[in-house]
Amino acid sequence: MANNFATRVADSYFFRTNPVISKLAGVQDTDADVSCTYAGIARKLLYFMGMVVIGIILCMILSYIPAGGAAFTEEGMPISAVGSAVLIVTFIMFLISPFLAVFIRPTIPVTGAMFCFSTGYVMTWAAMTFGQEYRSSILLAVILTMIIVSTLGFMYFTGKVRVTEKLRTVLTSLILCSFLTGFVVFILALIPATRPFVTSLRANMLINIGGSVLYVIIASLFLLVDFDTIRRAVDDGLPKKYEWWASFGLAFSVIWLFFKILELLSKLKKFNKK
């Protein structure tokens, strides 16, 4: 299913705290003349989010190209040769661009934009391919993501919530525990004696929904950590080039939160159908 496919791919990147933001927290560099500003970070964040929108629009435009000579089909829906070629390129872009952005940080203005563009394209293709049910899930996930990000941003920057070292430690521990739990479950699924137990756990929708709710909460709280790191970057006067790190890091976290909300909505739909 489109939602499960997308969230499995996303989890390969987002199993821990944002790697771009976490690296930014350790930077020791100042430039009193040209330093990071909230306005500069906000403009670059809009640039990355704009690339997501461009990916969505391009996918919608290409969907109207006649499918004669389609390269392949998905769920009985023909895809034009042009559309299939662009899909393959954007999916490869979706897979590799985050790694390039994290490990070759001067390329973030380009590789970060590639990731955001490909995310918008791939998710829109999934929604249009797998039907109205998933289109409505994606739209609702976008709305909920915007509400959560706006609310947490307001609460943090108005001083209603604070990020302490204890909170950072707890969140990191939760992520590590969830990752280790997933690894143990994977190992148990390979053992014939424990495989039925793992299968029953995976079939239990209440457990699955509870896990997704926990991930949404963790992803939301990590946004607070990102906001705190960005505030420190501005207050410490880091050079303006780090605005790209901060803005892409925040975009990265927002996309992670979107995927986790989308996964939760997908599971809720399945549960309601039973």
C-alpha atoms as a PDB file:
ATOM      1  CA  MET A   1       0.000   0.000   0.000  1.00  0.00           C
ATOM      2  CA  ALA A   2       1.191   3.512  -0.757  1.00  0.00           C
ATOM      3  CA  ASN A   3       1.249   4.746   2.816  1.00  0.00           C
ATOM      4  CA  ASN A   4       3.118   1.737   4.197  1.00  0.00           C
ATOM      5  CA  PHE A   5       5.572   1.847   1.293  1.00  0.00           C
ATOM      6  CA  ALA A   6       6.304   5.520   1.891  1.00  0.00           C
ATOM      7  CA  THR A   7       6.673   5.214   5.651  1.00  0.00           C
ATOM      8  CA  ARG A   8       8.998   2.202   5.407  1.00  0.00           C
ATOM      9  CA  VAL A   9      11.280   4.140   3.082  1.00  0.00           C
ATOM     10  CA  ALA A  10      11.103   7.190   5.342  1.00  0.00           C
ATOM     11  CA  ASP A  11      12.028   5.189   8.432  1.00  0.00           C
ATOM     12  CA  SER A  12      15.285   4.201   6.769  1.00  0.00           C
ATOM     13  CA  TYR A  13      16.273   7.864   7.168  1.00  0.00           C
ATOM     14  CA  PHE A  14      14.358   9.034  10.205  1.00  0.00           C
ATOM     15  CA  PHE A  15      14.978   6.435  12.918  1.00  0.00           C
ATOM     16  CA  ARG A  16      16.776   8.929  15.127  1.00  0.00           C
ATOM     17  CA  THR A  17      17.130  12.637  15.775  1.00  0.00           C
ATOM     18  CA  ASN A  18      17.667  14.850  12.767  1.00  0.00           C
ATOM     19  CA  PRO A  19      21.329  14.373  11.653  1.00  0.00           C
ATOM     20  CA  VAL A  20      21.613  17.851  10.133  1.00  0.00           C
ATOM     21  CA  ILE A  21      20.275  19.684  13.183  1.00  0.00           C
ATOM     22  CA  SER A  22      22.256  17.502  15.602  1.00  0.00           C
ATOM     23  CA  LYS A  23      25.507  18.383  13.805  1.00  0.00           C
ATOM     24  CA  LEU A  24      24.580  22.053  13.876  1.00  0.00           C
ATOM     25  CA  ALA A  25      24.335  21.882  17.673  1.00  0.00           C
ATOM     26  CA  GLY A  26      28.048  21.049  17.877  1.00  0.00           C
ATOM     27  CA  VAL A  27      29.327  23.844  15.631  1.00  0.00           C
ATOM     28  CA  GLN A  28      31.770  26.287  17.235  1.00  0.00           C
ATOM     29  CA  ASP A  29      32.011  29.160  14.774  1.00  0.00           C
ATOM     30  CA  THR A  30      30.992  32.817  14.903  1.00  0.00           C
ATOM     31  CA  ASP A  31      30.747  35.745  12.545  1.00  0.00           C
ATOM     32  CA  ALA A  32      29.660  38.986  14.152  1.00  0.00           C
ATOM     33  CA  ASP A  33      29.154  40.715  10.802  1.00  0.00           C
ATOM     34  CA  VAL A  34      27.113  38.134   8.882  1.00  0.00           C
ATOM     35  CA  SER A  35      25.389  35.710  11.256  1.00  0.00           C
ATOM     36  CA  CYS A  36      22.294  33.515  11.208  1.00  0.00           C
ATOM     37  CA  THR A  37      18.919  35.197  11.587  1.00  0.00           C
ATOM     38  CA  TYR A  38      15.416  33.815  12.062  1.00  0.00           C
ATOM     39  CA  ALA A  39      14.298  35.634   8.924  1.00  0.00           C
ATOM     40  CA  GLY A  40      17.069  34.050   6.866  1.00  0.00           C
ATOM     41  CA  ILE A  41      16.243  30.574   8.168  1.00  0.00           C
ATOM     42  CA  ALA A  42      12.530  31.136   7.517  1.00  0.00           C
ATOM     43  CA  ARG A  43      13.194  32.207   3.900  1.00  0.00           C
ATOM     44  CA  LYS A  44      15.293  29.129   3.236  1.00  0.00           C
ATOM     45  CA  LEU A  45      12.690  26.914   4.907  1.00  0.00           C
ATOM     46  CA  LEU A  46      10.085  28.356   2.538  1.00  0.00           C
ATOM     47  CA  TYR A  47      12.454  27.562  -0.343  1.00  0.00           C
ATOM     48  CA  PHE A  48      12.611  23.901   0.672  1.00  0.00           C
ATOM     49  CA  MET A  49       8.877  23.667   1.280  1.00  0.00           C
ATOM     50  CA  GLY A  50       8.351  25.346  -2.094  1.00  0.00           C
ATOM     51  CA  MET A  51      10.320  22.534  -3.712  1.00  0.00           C
ATOM     52  CA  VAL A  52       7.870  20.061  -2.173  1.00  0.00           C
ATOM     53  CA  VAL A  53       5.000  22.016  -3.760  1.00  0.00           C
ATOM     54  CA  ILE A  54       6.764  22.060  -7.141  1.00  0.00           C
ATOM     55  CA  GLY A  55       7.146  18.278  -6.956  1.00  0.00           C
ATOM     56  CA  ILE A  56       3.423  17.933  -6.254  1.00  0.00           C
ATOM     57  CA  ILE A  57       2.445  20.234  -9.127  1.00  0.00           C
ATOM     58  CA  LEU A  58       4.769  18.542 -11.642  1.00  0.00           C
ATOM     59  CA  CYS A  59       3.395  15.113 -10.771  1.00  0.00           C
ATOM     60  CA  MET A  60      -0.173  16.350 -11.242  1.00  0.00           C
ATOM     61  CA  ILE A  61       0.701  17.899 -14.614  1.00  0.00           C
ATOM     62  CA  LEU A  62       2.417  14.744 -15.874  1.00  0.00           C
ATOM     63  CA  SER A  63      -0.569  12.649 -14.808  1.00  0.00           C
ATOM     64  CA  TYR A  64      -2.584  14.260 -17.654  1.00  0.00           C
ATOM     65  CA  ILE A  65      -0.153  13.077 -20.350  1.00  0.00           C
ATOM     66  CA  PRO A  66      -1.833  10.335 -22.448  1.00  0.00           C
ATOM     67  CA  ALA A  67      -0.649   6.909 -21.341  1.00  0.00           C
ATOM     68  CA  GLY A  68      -0.271   5.414 -24.807  1.00  0.00           C
ATOM     69  CA  GLY A  69       2.886   3.341 -24.823  1.00  0.00           C
ATOM     70  CA  ALA A  70       3.001   3.240 -21.050  1.00  0.00           C
ATOM     71  CA  ALA A  71       6.222   1.836 -19.660  1.00  0.00           C
ATOM     72  CA  PHE A  72       4.485  -0.002 -16.823  1.00  0.00           C
ATOM     73  CA  THR A  73       1.289   0.041 -14.805  1.00  0.00           C
ATOM     74  CA  GLU A  74       0.519   0.188 -11.104  1.00  0.00           C
ATOM     75  CA  GLU A  75      -2.734  -1.163  -9.678  1.00  0.00           C
ATOM     76  CA  GLY A  76      -4.149  -1.269 -13.198  1.00  0.00           C
ATOM     77  CA  MET A  77      -3.469   2.429 -13.811  1.00  0.00           C
ATOM     78  CA  PRO A  78      -1.414   3.147 -16.951  1.00  0.00           C
ATOM     79  CA  ILE A  79       1.521   5.547 -16.620  1.00  0.00           C
ATOM     80  CA  SER A  80       2.933   7.395 -19.608  1.00  0.00           C
ATOM     81  CA  ALA A  81       6.504   6.769 -20.699  1.00  0.00           C
ATOM     82  CA  VAL A  82       7.425  10.310 -19.658  1.00  0.00           C
ATOM     83  CA  GLY A  83       5.714   9.905 -16.312  1.00  0.00           C
ATOM     84  CA  SER A  84       7.406   6.587 -15.584  1.00  0.00           C
ATOM     85  CA  ALA A  85      10.837   7.980 -16.491  1.00  0.00           C
ATOM     86  CA  VAL A  86      10.380  10.984 -14.207  1.00  0.00           C
ATOM     87  CA  LEU A  87       9.100   8.715 -11.430  1.00  0.00           C
ATOM     88  CA  ILE A  88      12.197   6.518 -11.614  1.00  0.00           C
ATOM     89  CA  VAL A  89      14.520   9.530 -11.531  1.00  0.00           C
ATOM     90  CA  THR A  90      12.680  11.197  -8.639  1.00  0.00           C
ATOM     91  CA  PHE A  91      12.564   7.959  -6.638  1.00  0.00           C
ATOM     92  CA  ILE A  92      16.336   7.526  -6.992  1.00  0.00           C
ATOM     93  CA  MET A  93      16.686  11.179  -6.012  1.00  0.00           C
ATOM     94  CA  PHE A  94      14.447  10.511  -2.992  1.00  0.00           C
ATOM     95  CA  LEU A  95      16.726   7.684  -1.858  1.00  0.00           C
ATOM     96  CA  ILE A  96      20.168   9.251  -2.260  1.00  0.00           C
ATOM     97  CA  SER A  97      19.725  13.011  -1.783  1.00  0.00           C
ATOM     98  CA  PRO A  98      19.374  12.925   2.053  1.00  0.00           C
ATOM     99  CA  PHE A  99      22.675  11.089   2.375  1.00  0.00           C
ATOM    100  CA  LEU A 100      24.402  13.590   0.095  1.00  0.00           C
ATOM    101  CA  ALA A 101      22.950  16.469   2.113  1.00  0.00           C
ATOM    102  CA  VAL A 102      24.059  14.969   5.443  1.00  0.00           C
ATOM    103  CA  PHE A 103      27.570  13.905   4.429  1.00  0.00           C
ATOM    104  CA  ILE A 104      28.397  16.710   1.959  1.00  0.00           C
ATOM    105  CA  ARG A 105      26.817  19.655   3.736  1.00  0.00           C
ATOM    106  CA  PRO A 106      27.956  22.436   1.377  1.00  0.00           C
ATOM    107  CA  THR A 107      25.614  20.835  -1.197  1.00  0.00           C
ATOM    108  CA  ILE A 108      22.506  21.275   0.987  1.00  0.00           C
ATOM    109  CA  PRO A 109      21.027  24.125  -1.111  1.00  0.00           C
ATOM    110  CA  VAL A 110      20.916  21.662  -4.046  1.00  0.00           C
ATOM    111  CA  THR A 111      20.640  18.214  -2.455  1.00  0.00           C
ATOM    112  CA  GLY A 112      18.139  19.438   0.133  1.00  0.00           C
ATOM    113  CA  ALA A 113      15.995  20.878  -2.635  1.00  0.00           C
ATOM    114  CA  MET A 114      16.278  17.578  -4.532  1.00  0.00           C
ATOM    115  CA  PHE A 115      15.029  15.673  -1.496  1.00  0.00           C
ATOM    116  CA  CYS A 116      12.091  18.008  -0.899  1.00  0.00           C
ATOM    117  CA  PHE A 117      11.131  18.025  -4.598  1.00  0.00           C
ATOM    118  CA  SER A 118      11.308  14.232  -4.894  1.00  0.00           C
ATOM    119  CA  THR A 119       9.319  13.780  -1.684  1.00  0.00           C
ATOM    120  CA  GLY A 120       6.499  15.923  -3.061  1.00  0.00           C
ATOM    121  CA  TYR A 121       6.547  14.084  -6.382  1.00  0.00           C
ATOM    122  CA  VAL A 122       6.698  10.531  -4.998  1.00  0.00           C
ATOM    123  CA  MET A 123       3.983  11.102  -2.397  1.00  0.00           C
ATOM    124  CA  THR A 124       1.651  12.697  -4.943  1.00  0.00           C
ATOM    125  CA  TRP A 125       2.232   9.826  -7.360  1.00  0.00           C
ATOM    126  CA  ALA A 126       1.408   7.345  -4.582  1.00  0.00           C
ATOM    127  CA  ALA A 127      -1.801   9.189  -3.746  1.00  0.00           C
ATOM    128  CA  MET A 128      -2.959   9.408  -7.357  1.00  0.00           C
ATOM    129  CA  THR A 129      -2.037   5.781  -8.067  1.00  0.00           C
ATOM    130  CA  PHE A 130      -3.643   4.143  -5.067  1.00  0.00           C
ATOM    131  CA  GLY A 131      -6.956   5.985  -5.081  1.00  0.00           C
ATOM    132  CA  GLN A 132      -9.096   8.526  -3.303  1.00  0.00           C
ATOM    133  CA  GLU A 133      -8.710   6.905   0.118  1.00  0.00           C
ATOM    134  CA  TYR A 134      -4.997   7.677   0.186  1.00  0.00           C
ATOM    135  CA  ARG A 135      -5.389  11.104  -1.372  1.00  0.00           C
ATOM    136  CA  SER A 136      -7.599  12.110   1.539  1.00  0.00           C
ATOM    137  CA  SER A 137      -5.093  10.628   3.996  1.00  0.00           C
ATOM    138  CA  ILE A 138      -2.244  12.655   2.511  1.00  0.00           C
ATOM    139  CA  LEU A 139      -4.252  15.887   2.548  1.00  0.00           C
ATOM    140  CA  LEU A 140      -5.277  15.312   6.165  1.00  0.00           C
ATOM    141  CA  ALA A 141      -1.672  14.444   7.088  1.00  0.00           C
ATOM    142  CA  VAL A 142      -0.490  17.722   5.524  1.00  0.00           C
ATOM    143  CA  ILE A 143      -3.088  19.719   7.497  1.00  0.00           C
ATOM    144  CA  LEU A 144      -2.270  17.982  10.787  1.00  0.00           C
ATOM    145  CA  THR A 145       1.464  18.459  10.204  1.00  0.00           C
ATOM    146  CA  MET A 146       0.983  22.190   9.628  1.00  0.00           C
ATOM    147  CA  ILE A 147      -1.137  22.494  12.778  1.00  0.00           C
ATOM    148  CA  ILE A 148       1.394  20.626  14.941  1.00  0.00           C
ATOM    149  CA  VAL A 149       4.420  22.538  13.596  1.00  0.00           C
ATOM    150  CA  SER A 150       2.683  25.911  13.992  1.00  0.00           C
ATOM    151  CA  THR A 151       1.446  25.120  17.499  1.00  0.00           C
ATOM    152  CA  LEU A 152       4.787  23.831  18.753  1.00  0.00           C
ATOM    153  CA  GLY A 153       6.635  26.738  17.136  1.00  0.00           C
ATOM    154  CA  PHE A 154       4.332  29.221  18.860  1.00  0.00           C
ATOM    155  CA  MET A 155       4.644  27.454  22.209  1.00  0.00           C
ATOM    156  CA  TYR A 156       8.441  27.307  22.039  1.00  0.00           C
ATOM    157  CA  PHE A 157       9.199  30.817  20.816  1.00  0.00           C
ATOM    158  CA  THR A 158       6.714  32.398  23.238  1.00  0.00           C
ATOM    159  CA  GLY A 159       8.417  30.602  26.114  1.00  0.00           C
ATOM    160  CA  LYS A 160       5.465  28.379  27.038  1.00  0.00           C
ATOM    161  CA  VAL A 161       7.652  25.266  26.739  1.00  0.00           C
ATOM    162  CA  ARG A 162      11.371  24.812  27.312  1.00  0.00           C
ATOM    163  CA  VAL A 163      13.828  22.235  26.020  1.00  0.00           C
ATOM    164  CA  THR A 164      16.036  20.829  28.755  1.00  0.00           C
ATOM    165  CA  GLU A 165      18.942  18.421  28.559  1.00  0.00           C
ATOM    166  CA  LYS A 166      16.752  15.881  30.345  1.00  0.00           C
ATOM    167  CA  LEU A 167      14.172  16.098  27.539  1.00  0.00           C
ATOM    168  CA  ARG A 168      16.894  15.619  24.915  1.00  0.00           C
ATOM    169  CA  THR A 169      18.183  12.557  26.766  1.00  0.00           C
ATOM    170  CA  VAL A 170      14.702  11.044  27.161  1.00  0.00           C
ATOM    171  CA  LEU A 171      13.866  11.528  23.473  1.00  0.00           C
ATOM    172  CA  THR A 172      17.147  10.028  22.311  1.00  0.00           C
ATOM    173  CA  SER A 173      16.599   7.063  24.641  1.00  0.00           C
ATOM    174  CA  LEU A 174      13.085   6.535  23.281  1.00  0.00           C
ATOM    175  CA  ILE A 175      14.339   6.496  19.716  1.00  0.00           C
ATOM    176  CA  LEU A 176      17.128   4.075  20.540  1.00  0.00           C
ATOM    177  CA  CYS A 177      14.739   1.792  22.435  1.00  0.00           C
ATOM    178  CA  SER A 178      12.255   1.780  19.552  1.00  0.00           C
ATOM    179  CA  PHE A 179      15.037   1.013  17.097  1.00  0.00           C
ATOM    180  CA  LEU A 180      16.359  -1.841  19.250  1.00  0.00           C
ATOM    181  CA  THR A 181      12.831  -3.174  19.741  1.00  0.00           C
ATOM    182  CA  GLY A 182      12.294  -3.224  15.987  1.00  0.00           C
ATOM    183  CA  PHE A 183      15.598  -5.044  15.526  1.00  0.00           C
ATOM    184  CA  VAL A 184      14.697  -7.670  18.163  1.00  0.00           C
ATOM    185  CA  VAL A 185      11.266  -8.206  16.577  1.00  0.00           C
ATOM    186  CA  PHE A 186      12.961  -8.657  13.198  1.00  0.00           C
ATOM    187  CA  ILE A 187      15.289 -11.318  14.643  1.00  0.00           C
ATOM    188  CA  LEU A 188      12.400 -13.104  16.383  1.00  0.00           C
ATOM    189  CA  ALA A 189      10.487 -13.170  13.087  1.00  0.00           C
ATOM    190  CA  LEU A 190      13.347 -15.181  11.574  1.00  0.00           C
ATOM    191  CA  ILE A 191      13.145 -17.873  14.285  1.00  0.00           C
ATOM    192  CA  PRO A 192      10.457 -20.518  13.564  1.00  0.00           C
ATOM    193  CA  ALA A 193       9.594 -20.985  17.259  1.00  0.00           C
ATOM    194  CA  THR A 194       8.870 -17.273  17.839  1.00  0.00           C
ATOM    195  CA  ARG A 195       7.516 -16.388  14.401  1.00  0.00           C
ATOM    196  CA  PRO A 196       3.819 -17.025  15.283  1.00  0.00           C
ATOM    197  CA  PHE A 197       4.130 -14.682  18.281  1.00  0.00           C
ATOM    198  CA  VAL A 198       5.622 -11.917  16.111  1.00  0.00           C
ATOM    199  CA  THR A 199       2.920 -12.446  13.481  1.00  0.00           C
ATOM    200  CA  SER A 200       0.188 -12.071  16.093  1.00  0.00           C
ATOM    201  CA  LEU A 201       1.773  -8.869  17.369  1.00  0.00           C
ATOM    202  CA  ARG A 202       1.957  -7.399  13.882  1.00  0.00           C
ATOM    203  CA  ALA A 203      -1.680  -8.326  13.256  1.00  0.00           C
ATOM    204  CA  ASN A 204      -2.847  -6.557  16.412  1.00  0.00           C
ATOM    205  CA  MET A 205      -4.107  -3.198  15.130  1.00  0.00           C
ATOM    206  CA  LEU A 206      -4.340  -1.651  18.604  1.00  0.00           C
ATOM    207  CA  ILE A 207      -0.640  -2.298  19.218  1.00  0.00           C
ATOM    208  CA  ASN A 208       0.206  -0.938  15.756  1.00  0.00           C
ATOM    209  CA  ILE A 209      -1.874   2.190  16.300  1.00  0.00           C
ATOM    210  CA  GLY A 210      -0.367   2.705  19.764  1.00  0.00           C
ATOM    211  CA  GLY A 211       3.124   2.468  18.298  1.00  0.00           C
ATOM    212  CA  SER A 212       2.276   4.988  15.586  1.00  0.00           C
ATOM    213  CA  VAL A 213       0.822   7.406  18.138  1.00  0.00           C
ATOM    214  CA  LEU A 214       4.040   7.140  20.147  1.00  0.00           C
ATOM    215  CA  TYR A 215       6.113   7.884  17.032  1.00  0.00           C
ATOM    216  CA  VAL A 216       3.995  10.952  16.213  1.00  0.00           C
ATOM    217  CA  ILE A 217       4.549  12.231  19.757  1.00  0.00           C
ATOM    218  CA  ILE A 218       8.305  11.617  19.534  1.00  0.00           C
ATOM    219  CA  ALA A 219       8.533  13.285  16.114  1.00  0.00           C
ATOM    220  CA  SER A 220       6.592  16.281  17.439  1.00  0.00           C
ATOM    221  CA  LEU A 221       8.815  16.642  20.489  1.00  0.00           C
ATOM    222  CA  PHE A 222      11.926  16.441  18.337  1.00  0.00           C
ATOM    223  CA  LEU A 223      10.641  19.534  16.556  1.00  0.00           C
ATOM    224  CA  LEU A 224      11.029  21.350  19.883  1.00  0.00           C
ATOM    225  CA  VAL A 225      14.648  20.176  20.028  1.00  0.00           C
ATOM    226  CA  ASP A 226      15.175  21.492  16.487  1.00  0.00           C
ATOM    227  CA  PHE A 227      13.645  24.849  17.425  1.00  0.00           C
ATOM    228  CA  ASP A 228      15.959  25.042  20.443  1.00  0.00           C
ATOM    229  CA  THR A 229      19.037  24.245  18.345  1.00  0.00           C
ATOM    230  CA  ILE A 230      18.056  26.892  15.796  1.00  0.00           C
ATOM    231  CA  ARG A 231      17.578  29.465  18.564  1.00  0.00           C
ATOM    232  CA  ARG A 232      21.038  28.678  19.905  1.00  0.00           C
ATOM    233  CA  ALA A 233      22.531  29.029  16.419  1.00  0.00           C
ATOM    234  CA  VAL A 234      21.025  32.510  16.106  1.00  0.00           C
ATOM    235  CA  ASP A 235      21.873  33.565  19.672  1.00  0.00           C
ATOM    236  CA  ASP A 236      25.462  32.310  19.340  1.00  0.00           C
ATOM    237  CA  GLY A 237      25.933  34.216  16.091  1.00  0.00           C
ATOM    238  CA  LEU A 238      26.857  31.307  13.828  1.00  0.00           C
ATOM    239  CA  PRO A 239      27.847  32.407  10.288  1.00  0.00           C
ATOM    240  CA  LYS A 240      25.044  32.878   7.791  1.00  0.00           C
ATOM    241  CA  LYS A 241      26.002  29.763   5.804  1.00  0.00           C
ATOM    242  CA  TYR A 242      24.557  27.672   8.627  1.00  0.00           C
ATOM    243  CA  GLU A 243      21.098  28.972   7.818  1.00  0.00           C
ATOM    244  CA  TRP A 244      21.008  26.309   5.086  1.00  0.00           C
ATOM    245  CA  TRP A 245      21.759  23.614   7.657  1.00  0.00           C
ATOM    246  CA  ALA A 246      19.098  24.876  10.022  1.00  0.00           C
ATOM    247  CA  SER A 247      16.362  25.330   7.411  1.00  0.00           C
ATOM    248  CA  PHE A 248      16.916  21.964   5.737  1.00  0.00           C
ATOM    249  CA  GLY A 249      17.172  20.270   9.123  1.00  0.00           C
ATOM    250  CA  LEU A 250      13.789  21.684  10.087  1.00  0.00           C
ATOM    251  CA  ALA A 251      12.291  20.718   6.718  1.00  0.00           C
ATOM    252  CA  PHE A 252      13.721  17.215   7.273  1.00  0.00           C
ATOM    253  CA  SER A 253      11.945  16.968  10.651  1.00  0.00           C
ATOM    254  CA  VAL A 254       8.669  18.282   9.271  1.00  0.00           C
ATOM    255  CA  ILE A 255       8.727  15.635   6.530  1.00  0.00           C
ATOM    256  CA  TRP A 256       9.473  12.931   9.114  1.00  0.00           C
ATOM    257  CA  LEU A 257       6.490  14.090  11.182  1.00  0.00           C
ATOM    258  CA  PHE A 258       4.328  14.052   8.044  1.00  0.00           C
ATOM    259  CA  PHE A 259       5.282  10.432   7.313  1.00  0.00           C
ATOM    260  CA  LYS A 260       4.505   9.307  10.860  1.00  0.00           C
ATOM    261  CA  ILE A 261       1.099  11.039  10.788  1.00  0.00           C
ATOM    262  CA  LEU A 262       0.388   9.466   7.405  1.00  0.00           C
ATOM    263  CA  GLU A 263       1.285   6.038   8.780  1.00  0.00           C
ATOM    264  CA  LEU A 264      -1.044   6.563  11.751  1.00  0.00           C
ATOM    265  CA  LEU A 265      -3.943   7.642   9.527  1.00  0.00           C
ATOM    266  CA  SER A 266      -3.421   4.597   7.318  1.00  0.00           C
ATOM    267  CA  LYS A 267      -3.644   2.266  10.318  1.00  0.00           C
ATOM    268  CA  LEU A 268      -6.728   4.040  11.640  1.00  0.00           C
ATOM    269  CA  LYS A 269      -8.454   3.568   8.265  1.00  0.00           C
ATOM    270  CA  LYS A 270      -7.682  -0.149   8.334  1.00  0.00           C
ATOM    271  CA  PHE A 271      -8.929  -0.419  11.909  1.00  0.00           C
ATOM    272  CA  ASN A 272     -12.217   1.336  11.054  1.00  0.00           C
ATOM    273  CA  LYS A 273     -12.814  -1.079   8.171  1.00  0.00           C
ATOM    274  CA  LYS A 274     -12.739  -4.085  10.491  1.00  0.00           C
END
